[in-house]
C-alpha atoms as a PDB file:
ATOM      1  CA  MET A   1     -66.876  48.188 -33.561  1.00  0.00           C
ATOM      2  CA  THR A   2     -69.282  44.974 -33.828  1.00  0.00           C
ATOM      3  CA  PHE A   3     -67.656  41.556 -33.847  1.00  0.00           C
ATOM      4  CA  VAL A   4     -68.464  37.838 -32.980  1.00  0.00           C
ATOM      5  CA  ARG A   5     -65.058  36.202 -32.819  1.00  0.00           C
ATOM      6  CA  ILE A   6     -61.494  37.162 -31.835  1.00  0.00           C
ATOM      7  CA  VAL A   7     -58.974  34.758 -33.488  1.00  0.00           C
ATOM      8  CA  TRP A   8     -56.105  33.573 -31.182  1.00  0.00           C
ATOM      9  CA  ASP A   9     -53.006  31.201 -32.131  1.00  0.00           C
ATOM     10  CA  GLU A  10     -51.782  28.541 -29.553  1.00  0.00           C
ATOM     11  CA  GLU A  11     -50.071  29.815 -26.922  1.00  0.00           C
ATOM     12  CA  ASP A  12     -47.071  28.081 -27.780  1.00  0.00           C
ATOM     13  CA  GLU A  13     -47.055  29.320 -31.535  1.00  0.00           C
ATOM     14  CA  PRO A  14     -43.767  31.265 -31.757  1.00  0.00           C
ATOM     15  CA  ASP A  15     -45.028  33.704 -34.078  1.00  0.00           C
ATOM     16  CA  GLY A  16     -48.546  33.709 -33.003  1.00  0.00           C
ATOM     17  CA  ASN A  17     -50.570  36.600 -31.413  1.00  0.00           C
ATOM     18  CA  VAL A  18     -50.845  35.252 -27.961  1.00  0.00           C
ATOM     19  CA  ARG A  19     -46.822  34.996 -27.657  1.00  0.00           C
ATOM     20  CA  HIS A  20     -46.652  38.442 -28.762  1.00  0.00           C
ATOM     21  CA  LEU A  21     -48.926  40.053 -26.530  1.00  0.00           C
ATOM     22  CA  ALA A  22     -47.106  38.343 -23.536  1.00  0.00           C
ATOM     23  CA  GLU A  23     -43.619  39.715 -24.939  1.00  0.00           C
ATOM     24  CA  HIS A  24     -45.638  43.320 -24.236  1.00  0.00           C
ATOM     25  CA  GLY A  25     -47.010  42.124 -20.638  1.00  0.00           C
ATOM     26  CA  LEU A  26     -50.578  41.632 -21.939  1.00  0.00           C
ATOM     27  CA  THR A  27     -53.219  38.793 -21.655  1.00  0.00           C
ATOM     28  CA  VAL A  28     -55.851  37.482 -23.943  1.00  0.00           C
ATOM     29  CA  GLU A  29     -58.605  38.529 -21.245  1.00  0.00           C
ATOM     30  CA  GLU A  30     -57.073  42.280 -20.923  1.00  0.00           C
ATOM     31  CA  VAL A  31     -56.858  42.526 -24.872  1.00  0.00           C
ATOM     32  CA  GLU A  32     -60.249  41.117 -25.223  1.00  0.00           C
ATOM     33  CA  HIS A  33     -61.341  43.560 -22.639  1.00  0.00           C
ATOM     34  CA  VAL A  34     -59.993  46.066 -24.668  1.00  0.00           C
ATOM     35  CA  LEU A  35     -61.841  45.161 -27.818  1.00  0.00           C
ATOM     36  CA  GLU A  36     -64.941  44.936 -26.053  1.00  0.00           C
ATOM     37  CA  ASN A  37     -64.891  48.255 -24.855  1.00  0.00           C
ATOM     38  CA  PRO A  38     -62.724  50.660 -26.862  1.00  0.00           C
ATOM     39  CA  MET A  39     -62.633  54.477 -25.923  1.00  0.00           C
ATOM     40  CA  SER A  40     -61.489  55.199 -29.565  1.00  0.00           C
ATOM     41  CA  GLU A  41     -60.793  53.667 -32.752  1.00  0.00           C
ATOM     42  CA  ALA A  42     -57.958  54.779 -35.767  1.00  0.00           C
ATOM     43  CA  VAL A  43     -56.029  53.417 -38.059  1.00  0.00           C
ATOM     44  CA  SER A  44     -52.439  52.914 -37.121  1.00  0.00           C
ATOM     45  CA  GLY A  45     -50.117  55.251 -38.624  1.00  0.00           C
ATOM     46  CA  SER A  46     -47.321  52.540 -39.571  1.00  0.00           C
ATOM     47  CA  THR A  47     -49.503  49.813 -40.794  1.00  0.00           C
ATOM     48  CA  GLY A  48     -52.398  51.056 -41.934  1.00  0.00           C
ATOM     49  CA  ARG A  49     -54.407  48.346 -39.915  1.00  0.00           C
ATOM     50  CA  LYS A  50     -57.402  49.140 -37.732  1.00  0.00           C
ATOM     51  CA  CYS A  51     -56.754  49.643 -34.119  1.00  0.00           C
ATOM     52  CA  CYS A  52     -58.226  50.638 -31.121  1.00  0.00           C
ATOM     53  CA  PHE A  53     -57.024  52.234 -27.595  1.00  0.00           C
ATOM     54  CA  GLY A  54     -58.477  51.579 -24.451  1.00  0.00           C
ATOM     55  CA  TYR A  55     -57.706  50.624 -20.603  1.00  0.00           C
ATOM     56  CA  THR A  56     -57.428  46.874 -19.435  1.00  0.00           C
ATOM     57  CA  PRO A  57     -58.947  45.864 -16.323  1.00  0.00           C
ATOM     58  CA  SER A  58     -56.163  46.936 -14.118  1.00  0.00           C
ATOM     59  CA  GLY A  59     -55.628  50.402 -15.790  1.00  0.00           C
ATOM     60  CA  GLU A  60     -53.236  50.014 -18.107  1.00  0.00           C
ATOM     61  CA  PHE A  61     -53.946  52.157 -21.438  1.00  0.00           C
ATOM     62  CA  VAL A  62     -53.132  49.970 -24.580  1.00  0.00           C
ATOM     63  CA  ILE A  63     -53.420  50.339 -27.935  1.00  0.00           C
ATOM     64  CA  VAL A  64     -54.492  47.018 -30.161  1.00  0.00           C
ATOM     65  CA  VAL A  65     -53.893  46.823 -33.580  1.00  0.00           C
ATOM     66  CA  TYR A  66     -55.493  44.075 -35.634  1.00  0.00           C
ATOM     67  CA  GLU A  67     -56.904  42.688 -38.813  1.00  0.00           C
ATOM     68  CA  GLU A  68     -60.639  42.353 -39.798  1.00  0.00           C
ATOM     69  CA  ILE A  69     -60.972  38.913 -41.205  1.00  0.00           C
ATOM     70  CA  ASP A  70     -64.579  39.191 -42.120  1.00  0.00           C
ATOM     71  CA  ALA A  71     -67.743  41.223 -40.751  1.00  0.00           C
ATOM     72  CA  GLU A  72     -67.835  39.381 -37.372  1.00  0.00           C
ATOM     73  CA  THR A  73     -64.380  38.493 -36.966  1.00  0.00           C
ATOM     74  CA  LEU A  74     -60.994  40.125 -35.681  1.00  0.00           C
ATOM     75  CA  TYR A  75     -57.365  39.039 -35.483  1.00  0.00           C
ATOM     76  CA  PRO A  76     -55.162  41.126 -32.940  1.00  0.00           C
ATOM     77  CA  ILE A  77     -51.723  41.651 -34.304  1.00  0.00           C
ATOM     78  CA  THR A  78     -50.313  43.248 -31.551  1.00  0.00           C
ATOM     79  CA  ALA A  79     -51.168  45.202 -28.305  1.00  0.00           C
ATOM     80  CA  TYR A  80     -49.240  46.982 -26.018  1.00  0.00           C
ATOM     81  CA  GLU A  81     -49.110  50.103 -23.329  1.00  0.00           C
ATOM     82  CA  VAL A  82     -49.049  53.858 -24.700  1.00  0.00           C
ATOM     83  CA  PRO A  83     -49.322  57.322 -22.953  1.00  0.00           C
ATOM     84  CA  LYS A  84     -52.746  57.859 -21.449  1.00  0.00           C
ATOM     85  CA  PRO A  85     -54.614  60.645 -23.167  1.00  0.00           C
ATOM     86  CA  GLN A  86     -54.749  63.995 -21.655  1.00  0.00           C
END
């Protein structure tokens, strides 16, 4: 996955992606790390959006679901911890 920019909403935006990540116990930095270092990529079975899987710096295995705004820009929709691959 190649991208140049990640779009983040303001932290105080009630329906924004930053607040949504925080509700799942994740930070912008952790999600950016996974987006920059994905272990695998897929398409979400529930939404049809692109997603990737990877480890946060603290070792949590998470999925990040995102939209591609254009060839260089991503908008993370959600991210949350999932079971580690076996």
